[in-house]
Amino acid sequence: MPLDPEIAARLKRNGDGLVPAIVQQYDTGEVLMLAWMDDEALHRTLTTGRGTYWSRSRRAYWVKGDTSGHLQHVKEVALDCDGDTVLVKVDQVGAACHTGDRTCFDADRLDLP
């Protein structure tokens, strides 16, 4: 069964048919990672309750935690006002980043003047 046509009609995809997915811890608001979704990845996420994404390098779907055990239990999914970004609120079990860090955004902070 494909993605609901009403949802699909609202998506504004890039040239590769993808939209960025910002992944956030549902209860703290902590930004965990950025991944990419196409219609099928979004459909799988909505129907399974597991964070499912499209790997641009491997050209394949991946479910967060299938190999690492660091699962994402999806609590809420929302589109931004333009339909060109997806917000996925999850309960993250373990690290979200492939480096083993809790978030992909804590290792390389940039200095401000």
PDB file of N, CA and C in Angstrom:
ATOM      1  N   MET A   1       0.849  -1.174   0.000  1.00  0.00           N
ATOM      2  CA  MET A   1       0.000   0.000   0.000  1.00  0.00           C
ATOM      3  C   MET A   1       0.901   1.246   0.000  1.00  0.00           C
ATOM      4  N   PRO A   2       0.695   2.173  -0.894  1.00  0.00           N
ATOM      5  CA  PRO A   2       1.556   3.356  -0.990  1.00  0.00           C
ATOM      6  C   PRO A   2       1.191   4.418   0.053  1.00  0.00           C
ATOM      7  N   LEU A   3       2.006   5.465   0.082  1.00  0.00           N
ATOM      8  CA  LEU A   3       1.764   6.601   0.952  1.00  0.00           C
ATOM      9  C   LEU A   3       0.403   7.207   0.631  1.00  0.00           C
ATOM     10  N   ASP A   4      -0.328   7.606   1.653  1.00  0.00           N
ATOM     11  CA  ASP A   4      -1.628   8.251   1.485  1.00  0.00           C
ATOM     12  C   ASP A   4      -1.498   9.362   0.448  1.00  0.00           C
ATOM     13  N   PRO A   5      -2.327   9.364  -0.603  1.00  0.00           N
ATOM     14  CA  PRO A   5      -2.216  10.367  -1.668  1.00  0.00           C
ATOM     15  C   PRO A   5      -2.340  11.811  -1.168  1.00  0.00           C
ATOM     16  N   GLU A   6      -3.117  12.033  -0.117  1.00  0.00           N
ATOM     17  CA  GLU A   6      -3.235  13.394   0.417  1.00  0.00           C
ATOM     18  C   GLU A   6      -1.919  13.872   1.023  1.00  0.00           C
ATOM     19  N   ILE A   7      -1.207  12.965   1.697  1.00  0.00           N
ATOM     20  CA  ILE A   7       0.103  13.311   2.251  1.00  0.00           C
ATOM     21  C   ILE A   7       1.101  13.485   1.115  1.00  0.00           C
ATOM     22  N   ALA A   8       1.107  12.554   0.171  1.00  0.00           N
ATOM     23  CA  ALA A   8       2.039  12.617  -0.959  1.00  0.00           C
ATOM     24  C   ALA A   8       1.883  13.928  -1.736  1.00  0.00           C
ATOM     25  N   ALA A   9       0.657  14.398  -1.888  1.00  0.00           N
ATOM     26  CA  ALA A   9       0.400  15.634  -2.635  1.00  0.00           C
ATOM     27  C   ALA A   9       0.971  16.858  -1.924  1.00  0.00           C
ATOM     28  N   ARG A  10       1.134  16.782  -0.626  1.00  0.00           N
ATOM     29  CA  ARG A  10       1.653  17.921   0.142  1.00  0.00           C
ATOM     30  C   ARG A  10       3.171  17.998   0.149  1.00  0.00           C
ATOM     31  N   LEU A  11       3.857  16.896  -0.209  1.00  0.00           N
ATOM     32  CA  LEU A  11       5.318  16.860  -0.154  1.00  0.00           C
ATOM     33  C   LEU A  11       5.943  17.616  -1.316  1.00  0.00           C
ATOM     34  N   LYS A  12       6.951  18.390  -1.012  1.00  0.00           N
ATOM     35  CA  LYS A  12       7.773  19.046  -2.034  1.00  0.00           C
ATOM     36  C   LYS A  12       9.147  18.401  -1.967  1.00  0.00           C
ATOM     37  N   ARG A  13       9.406  17.525  -2.915  1.00  0.00           N
ATOM     38  CA  ARG A  13      10.632  16.732  -2.932  1.00  0.00           C
ATOM     39  C   ARG A  13      11.738  17.446  -3.705  1.00  0.00           C
ATOM     40  N   ASN A  14      12.989  17.077  -3.405  1.00  0.00           N
ATOM     41  CA  ASN A  14      14.102  17.609  -4.191  1.00  0.00           C
ATOM     42  C   ASN A  14      14.194  16.840  -5.511  1.00  0.00           C
ATOM     43  N   GLY A  15      15.197  17.124  -6.306  1.00  0.00           N
ATOM     44  CA  GLY A  15      15.353  16.495  -7.614  1.00  0.00           C
ATOM     45  C   GLY A  15      15.513  14.987  -7.570  1.00  0.00           C
ATOM     46  N   ASP A  16      15.897  14.460  -6.408  1.00  0.00           N
ATOM     47  CA  ASP A  16      16.044  13.015  -6.236  1.00  0.00           C
ATOM     48  C   ASP A  16      14.798  12.372  -5.641  1.00  0.00           C
ATOM     49  N   GLY A  17      13.740  13.164  -5.465  1.00  0.00           N
ATOM     50  CA  GLY A  17      12.498  12.639  -4.900  1.00  0.00           C
ATOM     51  C   GLY A  17      12.522  12.509  -3.390  1.00  0.00           C
ATOM     52  N   LEU A  18      13.425  13.245  -2.734  1.00  0.00           N
ATOM     53  CA  LEU A  18      13.611  13.120  -1.290  1.00  0.00           C
ATOM     54  C   LEU A  18      13.228  14.395  -0.552  1.00  0.00           C
ATOM     55  N   VAL A  19      12.890  14.231   0.718  1.00  0.00           N
ATOM     56  CA  VAL A  19      12.703  15.356   1.628  1.00  0.00           C
ATOM     57  C   VAL A  19      13.580  15.105   2.857  1.00  0.00           C
ATOM     58  N   PRO A  20      14.156  16.175   3.420  1.00  0.00           N
ATOM     59  CA  PRO A  20      14.926  15.988   4.650  1.00  0.00           C
ATOM     60  C   PRO A  20      13.997  15.675   5.814  1.00  0.00           C
ATOM     61  N   ALA A  21      14.476  14.820   6.698  1.00  0.00           N
ATOM     62  CA  ALA A  21      13.729  14.458   7.902  1.00  0.00           C
ATOM     63  C   ALA A  21      14.570  14.833   9.114  1.00  0.00           C
ATOM     64  N   ILE A  22      14.082  15.788   9.874  1.00  0.00           N
ATOM     65  CA  ILE A  22      14.733  16.166  11.123  1.00  0.00           C
ATOM     66  C   ILE A  22      14.185  15.243  12.201  1.00  0.00           C
ATOM     67  N   VAL A  23      15.082  14.594  12.929  1.00  0.00           N
ATOM     68  CA  VAL A  23      14.668  13.644  13.956  1.00  0.00           C
ATOM     69  C   VAL A  23      14.955  14.260  15.321  1.00  0.00           C
ATOM     70  N   GLN A  24      13.928  14.280  16.165  1.00  0.00           N
ATOM     71  CA  GLN A  24      13.972  14.980  17.444  1.00  0.00           C
ATOM     72  C   GLN A  24      13.471  14.057  18.550  1.00  0.00           C
ATOM     73  N   GLN A  25      14.122  14.118  19.712  1.00  0.00           N
ATOM     74  CA  GLN A  25      13.633  13.392  20.883  1.00  0.00           C
ATOM     75  C   GLN A  25      12.301  14.005  21.301  1.00  0.00           C
ATOM     76  N   TYR A  26      11.265  13.179  21.389  1.00  0.00           N
ATOM     77  CA  TYR A  26       9.900  13.701  21.556  1.00  0.00           C
ATOM     78  C   TYR A  26       9.674  14.447  22.862  1.00  0.00           C
ATOM     79  N   ASP A  27      10.347  14.059  23.949  1.00  0.00           N
ATOM     80  CA  ASP A  27      10.022  14.654  25.243  1.00  0.00           C
ATOM     81  C   ASP A  27      10.945  15.791  25.651  1.00  0.00           C
ATOM     82  N   THR A  28      12.129  15.878  25.052  1.00  0.00           N
ATOM     83  CA  THR A  28      13.078  16.935  25.433  1.00  0.00           C
ATOM     84  C   THR A  28      13.275  17.973  24.337  1.00  0.00           C
ATOM     85  N   GLY A  29      12.917  17.629  23.101  1.00  0.00           N
ATOM     86  CA  GLY A  29      13.133  18.534  21.977  1.00  0.00           C
ATOM     87  C   GLY A  29      14.539  18.473  21.419  1.00  0.00           C
ATOM     88  N   GLU A  30      15.385  17.621  21.975  1.00  0.00           N
ATOM     89  CA  GLU A  30      16.766  17.480  21.505  1.00  0.00           C
ATOM     90  C   GLU A  30      16.776  17.032  20.040  1.00  0.00           C
ATOM     91  N   VAL A  31      17.520  17.763  19.194  1.00  0.00           N
ATOM     92  CA  VAL A  31      17.649  17.383  17.789  1.00  0.00           C
ATOM     93  C   VAL A  31      18.695  16.276  17.710  1.00  0.00           C
ATOM     94  N   LEU A  32      18.304  15.142  17.157  1.00  0.00           N
ATOM     95  CA  LEU A  32      19.166  13.965  17.147  1.00  0.00           C
ATOM     96  C   LEU A  32      19.927  13.777  15.846  1.00  0.00           C
ATOM     97  N   MET A  33      19.264  13.955  14.719  1.00  0.00           N
ATOM     98  CA  MET A  33      19.912  13.667  13.439  1.00  0.00           C
ATOM     99  C   MET A  33      19.079  14.232  12.294  1.00  0.00           C
ATOM    100  N   LEU A  34      19.676  14.220  11.133  1.00  0.00           N
ATOM    101  CA  LEU A  34      18.989  14.554   9.894  1.00  0.00           C
ATOM    102  C   LEU A  34      19.147  13.361   8.966  1.00  0.00           C
ATOM    103  N   ALA A  35      18.053  12.955   8.356  1.00  0.00           N
ATOM    104  CA  ALA A  35      18.094  11.844   7.408  1.00  0.00           C
ATOM    105  C   ALA A  35      17.224  12.236   6.219  1.00  0.00           C
ATOM    106  N   TRP A  36      17.099  11.337   5.265  1.00  0.00           N
ATOM    107  CA  TRP A  36      16.320  11.605   4.056  1.00  0.00           C
ATOM    108  C   TRP A  36      15.213  10.580   3.921  1.00  0.00           C
ATOM    109  N   MET A  37      14.078  11.032   3.415  1.00  0.00           N
ATOM    110  CA  MET A  37      12.936  10.146   3.182  1.00  0.00           C
ATOM    111  C   MET A  37      12.388  10.368   1.783  1.00  0.00           C
ATOM    112  N   ASP A  38      11.919   9.285   1.191  1.00  0.00           N
ATOM    113  CA  ASP A  38      11.072   9.396   0.001  1.00  0.00           C
ATOM    114  C   ASP A  38       9.677   8.951   0.434  1.00  0.00           C
ATOM    115  N   ASP A  39       8.768   8.855  -0.501  1.00  0.00           N
ATOM    116  CA  ASP A  39       7.396   8.485  -0.147  1.00  0.00           C
ATOM    117  C   ASP A  39       7.336   7.140   0.577  1.00  0.00           C
ATOM    118  N   GLU A  40       8.104   6.168   0.102  1.00  0.00           N
ATOM    119  CA  GLU A  40       8.073   4.831   0.702  1.00  0.00           C
ATOM    120  C   GLU A  40       8.629   4.847   2.124  1.00  0.00           C
ATOM    121  N   ALA A  41       9.718   5.563   2.357  1.00  0.00           N
ATOM    122  CA  ALA A  41      10.287   5.640   3.707  1.00  0.00           C
ATOM    123  C   ALA A  41       9.300   6.294   4.669  1.00  0.00           C
ATOM    124  N   LEU A  42       8.633   7.345   4.214  1.00  0.00           N
ATOM    125  CA  LEU A  42       7.642   7.999   5.057  1.00  0.00           C
ATOM    126  C   LEU A  42       6.466   7.058   5.323  1.00  0.00           C
ATOM    127  N   HIS A  43       6.020   6.365   4.308  1.00  0.00           N
ATOM    128  CA  HIS A  43       4.934   5.392   4.476  1.00  0.00           C
ATOM    129  C   HIS A  43       5.318   4.321   5.497  1.00  0.00           C
ATOM    130  N   ARG A  44       6.512   3.780   5.370  1.00  0.00           N
ATOM    131  CA  ARG A  44       6.964   2.741   6.304  1.00  0.00           C
ATOM    132  C   ARG A  44       7.054   3.285   7.723  1.00  0.00           C
ATOM    133  N   THR A  45       7.552   4.508   7.865  1.00  0.00           N
ATOM    134  CA  THR A  45       7.641   5.125   9.194  1.00  0.00           C
ATOM    135  C   THR A  45       6.258   5.275   9.816  1.00  0.00           C
ATOM    136  N   LEU A  46       5.320   5.769   9.030  1.00  0.00           N
ATOM    137  CA  LEU A  46       3.967   5.986   9.538  1.00  0.00           C
ATOM    138  C   LEU A  46       3.240   4.686   9.869  1.00  0.00           C
ATOM    139  N   THR A  47       3.508   3.626   9.138  1.00  0.00           N
ATOM    140  CA  THR A  47       2.773   2.378   9.340  1.00  0.00           C
ATOM    141  C   THR A  47       3.443   1.429  10.330  1.00  0.00           C
ATOM    142  N   THR A  48       4.754   1.545  10.515  1.00  0.00           N
ATOM    143  CA  THR A  48       5.448   0.628  11.432  1.00  0.00           C
ATOM    144  C   THR A  48       5.781   1.268  12.773  1.00  0.00           C
ATOM    145  N   GLY A  49       5.821   2.617  12.815  1.00  0.00           N
ATOM    146  CA  GLY A  49       6.216   3.287  14.049  1.00  0.00           C
ATOM    147  C   GLY A  49       7.702   3.229  14.311  1.00  0.00           C
ATOM    148  N   ARG A  50       8.480   2.873  13.305  1.00  0.00           N
ATOM    149  CA  ARG A  50       9.946   2.820  13.393  1.00  0.00           C
ATOM    150  C   ARG A  50      10.530   3.802  12.385  1.00  0.00           C
ATOM    151  N   GLY A  51      11.584   4.525  12.777  1.00  0.00           N
ATOM    152  CA  GLY A  51      12.218   5.480  11.880  1.00  0.00           C
ATOM    153  C   GLY A  51      12.838   4.764  10.692  1.00  0.00           C
ATOM    154  N   THR A  52      12.306   5.017   9.505  1.00  0.00           N
ATOM    155  CA  THR A  52      12.777   4.384   8.274  1.00  0.00           C
ATOM    156  C   THR A  52      13.198   5.474   7.298  1.00  0.00           C
ATOM    157  N   TYR A  53      14.385   5.335   6.723  1.00  0.00           N
ATOM    158  CA  TYR A  53      14.969   6.399   5.920  1.00  0.00           C
ATOM    159  C   TYR A  53      15.553   5.831   4.628  1.00  0.00           C
ATOM    160  N   TRP A  54      15.924   6.753   3.728  1.00  0.00           N
ATOM    161  CA  TRP A  54      16.565   6.389   2.474  1.00  0.00           C
ATOM    162  C   TRP A  54      18.036   6.769   2.576  1.00  0.00           C
ATOM    163  N   SER A  55      18.916   5.813   2.347  1.00  0.00           N
ATOM    164  CA  SER A  55      20.352   6.072   2.351  1.00  0.00           C
ATOM    165  C   SER A  55      20.778   6.498   0.956  1.00  0.00           C
ATOM    166  N   ARG A  56      21.249   7.728   0.842  1.00  0.00           N
ATOM    167  CA  ARG A  56      21.686   8.222  -0.468  1.00  0.00           C
ATOM    168  C   ARG A  56      22.962   7.522  -0.917  1.00  0.00           C
ATOM    169  N   SER A  57      23.837   7.145   0.007  1.00  0.00           N
ATOM    170  CA  SER A  57      25.090   6.487  -0.379  1.00  0.00           C
ATOM    171  C   SER A  57      24.881   5.015  -0.745  1.00  0.00           C
ATOM    172  N   ARG A  58      24.055   4.313   0.010  1.00  0.00           N
ATOM    173  CA  ARG A  58      23.805   2.889  -0.258  1.00  0.00           C
ATOM    174  C   ARG A  58      22.659   2.675  -1.235  1.00  0.00           C
ATOM    175  N   ARG A  59      21.873   3.745  -1.450  1.00  0.00           N
ATOM    176  CA  ARG A  59      20.702   3.667  -2.323  1.00  0.00           C
ATOM    177  C   ARG A  59      19.766   2.551  -1.874  1.00  0.00           C
ATOM    178  N   ALA A  60      19.459   2.584  -0.577  1.00  0.00           N
ATOM    179  CA  ALA A  60      18.600   1.555   0.011  1.00  0.00           C
ATOM    180  C   ALA A  60      17.903   2.117   1.246  1.00  0.00           C
ATOM    181  N   TYR A  61      16.798   1.483   1.631  1.00  0.00           N
ATOM    182  CA  TYR A  61      16.108   1.865   2.850  1.00  0.00           C
ATOM    183  C   TYR A  61      16.841   1.305   4.052  1.00  0.00           C
ATOM    184  N   TRP A  62      16.761   2.020   5.160  1.00  0.00           N
ATOM    185  CA  TRP A  62      17.299   1.505   6.408  1.00  0.00           C
ATOM    186  C   TRP A  62      16.386   1.910   7.557  1.00  0.00           C
ATOM    187  N   VAL A  63      16.274   1.010   8.499  1.00  0.00           N
ATOM    188  CA  VAL A  63      15.456   1.242   9.687  1.00  0.00           C
ATOM    189  C   VAL A  63      16.415   1.465  10.841  1.00  0.00           C
ATOM    190  N   LYS A  64      16.309   2.640  11.455  1.00  0.00           N
ATOM    191  CA  LYS A  64      17.217   2.983  12.543  1.00  0.00           C
ATOM    192  C   LYS A  64      17.126   1.925  13.630  1.00  0.00           C
ATOM    193  N   GLY A  65      18.262   1.351  13.963  1.00  0.00           N
ATOM    194  CA  GLY A  65      18.348   0.358  15.026  1.00  0.00           C
ATOM    195  C   GLY A  65      18.381  -1.075  14.574  1.00  0.00           C
ATOM    196  N   ASP A  66      18.084  -1.354  13.307  1.00  0.00           N
ATOM    197  CA  ASP A  66      18.086  -2.746  12.853  1.00  0.00           C
ATOM    198  C   ASP A  66      19.449  -3.409  13.009  1.00  0.00           C
ATOM    199  N   THR A  67      20.526  -2.673  12.804  1.00  0.00           N
ATOM    200  CA  THR A  67      21.853  -3.264  12.968  1.00  0.00           C
ATOM    201  C   THR A  67      22.518  -2.847  14.274  1.00  0.00           C
ATOM    202  N   SER A  68      22.241  -1.621  14.741  1.00  0.00           N
ATOM    203  CA  SER A  68      22.907  -1.108  15.941  1.00  0.00           C
ATOM    204  C   SER A  68      22.167  -1.432  17.234  1.00  0.00           C
ATOM    205  N   GLY A  69      20.867  -1.684  17.131  1.00  0.00           N
ATOM    206  CA  GLY A  69      20.055  -1.858  18.329  1.00  0.00           C
ATOM    207  C   GLY A  69      19.579  -0.542  18.919  1.00  0.00           C
ATOM    208  N   HIS A  70      19.978   0.574  18.323  1.00  0.00           N
ATOM    209  CA  HIS A  70      19.598   1.909  18.792  1.00  0.00           C
ATOM    210  C   HIS A  70      18.295   2.332  18.114  1.00  0.00           C
ATOM    211  N   LEU A  71      17.218   1.824  18.616  1.00  0.00           N
ATOM    212  CA  LEU A  71      15.912   1.960  17.983  1.00  0.00           C
ATOM    213  C   LEU A  71      15.329   3.362  18.120  1.00  0.00           C
ATOM    214  N   GLN A  72      14.477   3.693  17.172  1.00  0.00           N
ATOM    215  CA  GLN A  72      13.671   4.902  17.237  1.00  0.00           C
ATOM    216  C   GLN A  72      12.207   4.491  17.223  1.00  0.00           C
ATOM    217  N   HIS A  73      11.520   4.763  18.328  1.00  0.00           N
ATOM    218  CA  HIS A  73      10.086   4.525  18.410  1.00  0.00           C
ATOM    219  C   HIS A  73       9.408   5.843  18.074  1.00  0.00           C
ATOM    220  N   VAL A  74       8.744   5.889  16.947  1.00  0.00           N
ATOM    221  CA  VAL A  74       8.154   7.130  16.447  1.00  0.00           C
ATOM    222  C   VAL A  74       6.910   7.476  17.263  1.00  0.00           C
ATOM    223  N   LYS A  75       6.890   8.712  17.745  1.00  0.00           N
ATOM    224  CA  LYS A  75       5.765   9.216  18.543  1.00  0.00           C
ATOM    225  C   LYS A  75       4.875  10.156  17.738  1.00  0.00           C
ATOM    226  N   GLU A  76       5.483  10.894  16.786  1.00  0.00           N
ATOM    227  CA  GLU A  76       4.727  11.895  16.022  1.00  0.00           C
ATOM    228  C   GLU A  76       5.505  12.233  14.758  1.00  0.00           C
ATOM    229  N   VAL A  77       4.777  12.511  13.691  1.00  0.00           N
ATOM    230  CA  VAL A  77       5.382  12.953  12.430  1.00  0.00           C
ATOM    231  C   VAL A  77       4.612  14.171  11.955  1.00  0.00           C
ATOM    232  N   ALA A  78       5.334  15.204  11.520  1.00  0.00           N
ATOM    233  CA  ALA A  78       4.686  16.423  11.041  1.00  0.00           C
ATOM    234  C   ALA A  78       5.427  16.942   9.820  1.00  0.00           C
ATOM    235  N   LEU A  79       4.682  17.634   8.951  1.00  0.00           N
ATOM    236  CA  LEU A  79       5.284  18.342   7.825  1.00  0.00           C
ATOM    237  C   LEU A  79       5.439  19.801   8.201  1.00  0.00           C
ATOM    238  N   ASP A  80       6.464  20.458   7.673  1.00  0.00           N
ATOM    239  CA  ASP A  80       6.572  21.896   7.900  1.00  0.00           C
ATOM    240  C   ASP A  80       5.561  22.616   7.010  1.00  0.00           C
ATOM    241  N   CYS A  81       5.477  23.928   7.156  1.00  0.00           N
ATOM    242  CA  CYS A  81       4.446  24.711   6.472  1.00  0.00           C
ATOM    243  C   CYS A  81       4.555  24.643   4.952  1.00  0.00           C
ATOM    244  N   ASP A  82       5.746  24.392   4.423  1.00  0.00           N
ATOM    245  CA  ASP A  82       5.946  24.315   2.975  1.00  0.00           C
ATOM    246  C   ASP A  82       5.844  22.894   2.426  1.00  0.00           C
ATOM    247  N   GLY A  83       5.827  21.911   3.299  1.00  0.00           N
ATOM    248  CA  GLY A  83       5.784  20.517   2.865  1.00  0.00           C
ATOM    249  C   GLY A  83       7.107  20.011   2.334  1.00  0.00           C
ATOM    250  N   ASP A  84       8.204  20.748   2.648  1.00  0.00           N
ATOM    251  CA  ASP A  84       9.500  20.313   2.124  1.00  0.00           C
ATOM    252  C   ASP A  84      10.448  19.763   3.184  1.00  0.00           C
ATOM    253  N   THR A  85       9.944  19.583   4.403  1.00  0.00           N
ATOM    254  CA  THR A  85      10.722  18.986   5.482  1.00  0.00           C
ATOM    255  C   THR A  85       9.775  18.206   6.385  1.00  0.00           C
ATOM    256  N   VAL A  86      10.254  17.058   6.851  1.00  0.00           N
ATOM    257  CA  VAL A  86       9.486  16.224   7.769  1.00  0.00           C
ATOM    258  C   VAL A  86      10.152  16.299   9.139  1.00  0.00           C
ATOM    259  N   LEU A  87       9.342  16.439  10.178  1.00  0.00           N
ATOM    260  CA  LEU A  87       9.817  16.377  11.557  1.00  0.00           C
ATOM    261  C   LEU A  87       9.338  15.055  12.137  1.00  0.00           C
ATOM    262  N   VAL A  88      10.295  14.250  12.590  1.00  0.00           N
ATOM    263  CA  VAL A  88       9.976  12.941  13.163  1.00  0.00           C
ATOM    264  C   VAL A  88      10.357  12.990  14.638  1.00  0.00           C
ATOM    265  N   LYS A  89       9.355  12.947  15.505  1.00  0.00           N
ATOM    266  CA  LYS A  89       9.600  12.939  16.946  1.00  0.00           C
ATOM    267  C   LYS A  89       9.616  11.497  17.413  1.00  0.00           C
ATOM    268  N   VAL A  90      10.701  11.132  18.079  1.00  0.00           N
ATOM    269  CA  VAL A  90      10.926   9.736  18.442  1.00  0.00           C
ATOM    270  C   VAL A  90      11.298   9.599  19.908  1.00  0.00           C
ATOM    271  N   ASP A  91      11.191   8.376  20.399  1.00  0.00           N
ATOM    272  CA  ASP A  91      11.821   7.999  21.649  1.00  0.00           C
ATOM    273  C   ASP A  91      13.044   7.203  21.239  1.00  0.00           C
ATOM    274  N   GLN A  92      14.212   7.829  21.350  1.00  0.00           N
ATOM    275  CA  GLN A  92      15.467   7.227  20.901  1.00  0.00           C
ATOM    276  C   GLN A  92      16.017   6.308  21.980  1.00  0.00           C
ATOM    277  N   VAL A  93      16.312   5.073  21.607  1.00  0.00           N
ATOM    278  CA  VAL A  93      16.950   4.119  22.504  1.00  0.00           C
ATOM    279  C   VAL A  93      18.421   4.049  22.114  1.00  0.00           C
ATOM    280  N   GLY A  94      19.307   4.527  22.978  1.00  0.00           N
ATOM    281  CA  GLY A  94      20.738   4.529  22.678  1.00  0.00           C
ATOM    282  C   GLY A  94      21.102   5.703  21.792  1.00  0.00           C
ATOM    283  N   ALA A  95      22.217   5.555  21.101  1.00  0.00           N
ATOM    284  CA  ALA A  95      22.772   6.621  20.266  1.00  0.00           C
ATOM    285  C   ALA A  95      21.952   6.814  18.995  1.00  0.00           C
ATOM    286  N   ALA A  96      21.815   8.068  18.586  1.00  0.00           N
ATOM    287  CA  ALA A  96      21.159   8.357  17.307  1.00  0.00           C
ATOM    288  C   ALA A  96      22.183   8.435  16.184  1.00  0.00           C
ATOM    289  N   CYS A  97      23.398   8.868  16.504  1.00  0.00           N
ATOM    290  CA  CYS A  97      24.424   9.066  15.480  1.00  0.00           C
ATOM    291  C   CYS A  97      25.189   7.768  15.204  1.00  0.00           C
ATOM    292  N   HIS A  98      25.580   7.577  13.965  1.00  0.00           N
ATOM    293  CA  HIS A  98      26.337   6.378  13.592  1.00  0.00           C
ATOM    294  C   HIS A  98      27.713   6.328  14.258  1.00  0.00           C
ATOM    295  N   THR A  99      28.170   7.469  14.813  1.00  0.00           N
ATOM    296  CA  THR A  99      29.460   7.507  15.512  1.00  0.00           C
ATOM    297  C   THR A  99      29.360   6.976  16.933  1.00  0.00           C
ATOM    298  N   GLY A 100      28.132   6.751  17.394  1.00  0.00           N
ATOM    299  CA  GLY A 100      27.923   6.297  18.762  1.00  0.00           C
ATOM    300  C   GLY A 100      27.541   7.420  19.711  1.00  0.00           C
ATOM    301  N   ASP A 101      27.516   8.661  19.214  1.00  0.00           N
ATOM    302  CA  ASP A 101      27.093   9.794  20.037  1.00  0.00           C
ATOM    303  C   ASP A 101      25.579   9.830  20.138  1.00  0.00           C
ATOM    304  N   ARG A 102      25.084  10.419  21.203  1.00  0.00           N
ATOM    305  CA  ARG A 102      23.642  10.547  21.416  1.00  0.00           C
ATOM    306  C   ARG A 102      22.986  11.283  20.257  1.00  0.00           C
ATOM    307  N   THR A 103      23.615  12.384  19.811  1.00  0.00           N
ATOM    308  CA  THR A 103      23.092  13.190  18.721  1.00  0.00           C
ATOM    309  C   THR A 103      24.196  13.431  17.699  1.00  0.00           C
ATOM    310  N   CYS A 104      23.828  13.656  16.480  1.00  0.00           N
ATOM    311  CA  CYS A 104      24.814  13.956  15.435  1.00  0.00           C
ATOM    312  C   CYS A 104      25.322  15.393  15.532  1.00  0.00           C
ATOM    313  N   PHE A 105      24.753  16.187  16.436  1.00  0.00           N
ATOM    314  CA  PHE A 105      25.067  17.603  16.486  1.00  0.00           C
ATOM    315  C   PHE A 105      25.846  18.018  17.731  1.00  0.00           C
ATOM    316  N   ASP A 106      26.519  17.102  18.417  1.00  0.00           N
ATOM    317  CA  ASP A 106      27.248  17.506  19.603  1.00  0.00           C
ATOM    318  C   ASP A 106      28.752  17.408  19.466  1.00  0.00           C
ATOM    319  N   ALA A 107      29.267  16.906  18.364  1.00  0.00           N
ATOM    320  CA  ALA A 107      30.694  16.674  18.243  1.00  0.00           C
ATOM    321  C   ALA A 107      31.482  17.829  17.621  1.00  0.00           C
ATOM    322  N   ASP A 108      30.851  18.689  16.864  1.00  0.00           N
ATOM    323  CA  ASP A 108      31.595  19.708  16.121  1.00  0.00           C
ATOM    324  C   ASP A 108      30.904  21.058  16.216  1.00  0.00           C
ATOM    325  N   ARG A 109      30.899  21.613  17.422  1.00  0.00           N
ATOM    326  CA  ARG A 109      30.274  22.912  17.627  1.00  0.00           C
ATOM    327  C   ARG A 109      31.146  24.015  17.037  1.00  0.00           C
ATOM    328  N   LEU A 110      30.508  24.958  16.388  1.00  0.00           N
ATOM    329  CA  LEU A 110      31.228  26.069  15.774  1.00  0.00           C
ATOM    330  C   LEU A 110      31.236  27.256  16.719  1.00  0.00           C
ATOM    331  N   ASP A 111      32.384  27.944  16.798  1.00  0.00           N
ATOM    332  CA  ASP A 111      32.507  29.113  17.675  1.00  0.00           C
ATOM    333  C   ASP A 111      31.806  30.309  17.084  1.00  0.00           C
ATOM    334  N   LEU A 112      31.196  31.084  17.941  1.00  0.00           N
ATOM    335  CA  LEU A 112      30.576  32.354  17.551  1.00  0.00           C
ATOM    336  C   LEU A 112      31.492  33.488  17.973  1.00  0.00           C
ATOM    337  N   PRO A 113      31.441  34.601  17.257  1.00  0.00           N
ATOM    338  CA  PRO A 113      32.318  35.724  17.632  1.00  0.00           C
ATOM    339  C   PRO A 113      31.933  36.321  18.976  1.00  0.00           C
TER     340      PRO A 113
END
